[in-house]
Amino acid sequence: MADSITEQRLRGETVPDLDLTHAEWQSGSQGVGDVQIAFVEGYIAMRNGRNPEIPALIFTPVEWRAFVVGARKGEFDLT
C-alpha cells in the first residue's frame, strides 16, 4: 500500500502538486460555507470557503475516511 500524504510529509517529501484551478468545490452547507471540498485526481482537497486563496489541505482517501469517521464519532468536538 502506498504511503499516506502524512507519512510523506513526516519524511520531508512534498505533497502532490494538484491543479485545483478547475476543481468543483462542494460546500457542506447551503450557499458558501466555511469548509469546501473537491475530489481531484484521486485525492480530496479541503479549503476555507471564505478565504479560498489560502492553500487547501490535501488528503488521501484513507486519510479522508479517518477524518470523516472521527468527526462522526465526535473526536473533534471542542465544546
C-alpha atoms as a PDB file:
ATOM      1  CA  MET A   1       0.000   0.000   0.000  1.00  0.00           C
ATOM      2  CA  ALA A   2       1.221   3.498  -0.831  1.00  0.00           C
ATOM      3  CA  ASP A   3       2.350   5.753   1.986  1.00  0.00           C
ATOM      4  CA  SER A   4      -0.123   8.361   3.129  1.00  0.00           C
ATOM      5  CA  ILE A   5       0.491  12.035   2.490  1.00  0.00           C
ATOM      6  CA  THR A   6       1.036  12.422   6.235  1.00  0.00           C
ATOM      7  CA  GLU A   7       3.820   9.815   6.159  1.00  0.00           C
ATOM      8  CA  GLN A   8       5.318  11.513   3.101  1.00  0.00           C
ATOM      9  CA  ARG A   9       5.267  14.870   4.905  1.00  0.00           C
ATOM     10  CA  LEU A  10       6.918  13.390   8.002  1.00  0.00           C
ATOM     11  CA  ARG A  11       9.751  12.146   5.802  1.00  0.00           C
ATOM     12  CA  GLY A  12      10.104  15.611   4.287  1.00  0.00           C
ATOM     13  CA  GLU A  13       8.608  14.638   0.941  1.00  0.00           C
ATOM     14  CA  THR A  14       6.325  17.011  -0.913  1.00  0.00           C
ATOM     15  CA  VAL A  15       2.578  16.810  -1.239  1.00  0.00           C
ATOM     16  CA  PRO A  16       1.296  16.037  -4.750  1.00  0.00           C
ATOM     17  CA  ASP A  17       1.139  19.192  -6.847  1.00  0.00           C
ATOM     18  CA  LEU A  18      -2.530  19.142  -7.760  1.00  0.00           C
ATOM     19  CA  ASP A  19      -4.063  21.658 -10.154  1.00  0.00           C
ATOM     20  CA  LEU A  20      -7.073  22.978  -8.240  1.00  0.00           C
ATOM     21  CA  THR A  21      -7.930  25.785 -10.662  1.00  0.00           C
ATOM     22  CA  HIS A  22     -10.803  23.819 -12.219  1.00  0.00           C
ATOM     23  CA  ALA A  23     -11.809  21.870  -9.112  1.00  0.00           C
ATOM     24  CA  GLU A  24     -15.527  21.605  -8.428  1.00  0.00           C
ATOM     25  CA  TRP A  25     -15.742  22.758  -4.830  1.00  0.00           C
ATOM     26  CA  GLN A  26     -18.636  21.497  -2.724  1.00  0.00           C
ATOM     27  CA  SER A  27     -19.904  23.182   0.399  1.00  0.00           C
ATOM     28  CA  GLY A  28     -21.247  21.340   3.402  1.00  0.00           C
ATOM     29  CA  SER A  29     -23.981  23.947   3.878  1.00  0.00           C
ATOM     30  CA  GLN A  30     -26.420  25.978   1.800  1.00  0.00           C
ATOM     31  CA  GLY A  31     -24.602  28.645  -0.216  1.00  0.00           C
ATOM     32  CA  VAL A  32     -20.984  29.438   0.578  1.00  0.00           C
ATOM     33  CA  GLY A  33     -19.881  27.513   3.645  1.00  0.00           C
ATOM     34  CA  ASP A  34     -16.765  27.789   5.723  1.00  0.00           C
ATOM     35  CA  VAL A  35     -15.440  24.417   4.579  1.00  0.00           C
ATOM     36  CA  GLN A  36     -15.401  23.244   0.979  1.00  0.00           C
ATOM     37  CA  ILE A  37     -14.101  20.002  -0.510  1.00  0.00           C
ATOM     38  CA  ALA A  38     -13.197  18.869  -4.013  1.00  0.00           C
ATOM     39  CA  PHE A  39     -12.237  15.463  -5.398  1.00  0.00           C
ATOM     40  CA  VAL A  40      -9.184  15.867  -7.647  1.00  0.00           C
ATOM     41  CA  GLU A  41      -7.004  13.160  -9.214  1.00  0.00           C
ATOM     42  CA  GLY A  42      -7.819  10.579  -6.538  1.00  0.00           C
ATOM     43  CA  TYR A  43      -7.251  12.985  -3.644  1.00  0.00           C
ATOM     44  CA  ILE A  44      -9.580  15.090  -1.526  1.00  0.00           C
ATOM     45  CA  ALA A  45      -8.820  18.796  -1.202  1.00  0.00           C
ATOM     46  CA  MET A  46     -10.343  20.840   1.617  1.00  0.00           C
ATOM     47  CA  ARG A  47     -10.287  24.627   1.841  1.00  0.00           C
ATOM     48  CA  ASN A  48     -11.731  27.566   3.717  1.00  0.00           C
ATOM     49  CA  GLY A  49     -14.616  28.743   1.535  1.00  0.00           C
ATOM     50  CA  ARG A  50     -14.476  32.257   2.970  1.00  0.00           C
ATOM     51  CA  ASN A  51     -10.763  32.563   2.153  1.00  0.00           C
ATOM     52  CA  PRO A  52     -10.211  30.333  -0.888  1.00  0.00           C
ATOM     53  CA  GLU A  53      -6.818  31.914  -1.608  1.00  0.00           C
ATOM     54  CA  ILE A  54      -5.366  30.119   1.430  1.00  0.00           C
ATOM     55  CA  PRO A  55      -3.784  26.807   0.334  1.00  0.00           C
ATOM     56  CA  ALA A  56      -6.043  23.768   0.535  1.00  0.00           C
ATOM     57  CA  LEU A  57      -5.315  20.742   2.688  1.00  0.00           C
ATOM     58  CA  ILE A  58      -4.826  17.585   0.622  1.00  0.00           C
ATOM     59  CA  PHE A  59      -5.892  14.140   1.867  1.00  0.00           C
ATOM     60  CA  THR A  60      -5.575  10.624   0.504  1.00  0.00           C
ATOM     61  CA  PRO A  61      -8.821   8.611   0.512  1.00  0.00           C
ATOM     62  CA  VAL A  62      -7.600   6.694   3.596  1.00  0.00           C
ATOM     63  CA  GLU A  63      -6.813   9.906   5.466  1.00  0.00           C
ATOM     64  CA  TRP A  64     -10.147  11.436   4.447  1.00  0.00           C
ATOM     65  CA  ARG A  65     -12.072   8.393   5.664  1.00  0.00           C
ATOM     66  CA  ALA A  66     -10.270   8.513   9.018  1.00  0.00           C
ATOM     67  CA  PHE A  67     -11.159  12.204   9.314  1.00  0.00           C
ATOM     68  CA  VAL A  68     -14.843  11.653   8.449  1.00  0.00           C
ATOM     69  CA  VAL A  69     -15.175   8.667  10.808  1.00  0.00           C
ATOM     70  CA  GLY A  70     -13.514  10.654  13.601  1.00  0.00           C
ATOM     71  CA  ALA A  71     -15.789  13.641  13.010  1.00  0.00           C
ATOM     72  CA  ARG A  72     -18.867  11.415  13.109  1.00  0.00           C
ATOM     73  CA  LYS A  73     -17.690   9.965  16.440  1.00  0.00           C
ATOM     74  CA  GLY A  74     -17.244  13.476  17.870  1.00  0.00           C
ATOM     75  CA  GLU A  75     -13.456  13.245  18.165  1.00  0.00           C
ATOM     76  CA  PHE A  76     -13.103  16.870  17.081  1.00  0.00           C
ATOM     77  CA  ASP A  77     -15.864  18.350  19.249  1.00  0.00           C
ATOM     78  CA  LEU A  78     -14.142  21.093  21.222  1.00  0.00           C
ATOM     79  CA  THR A  79     -17.207  22.156  23.211  1.00  0.00           C
END
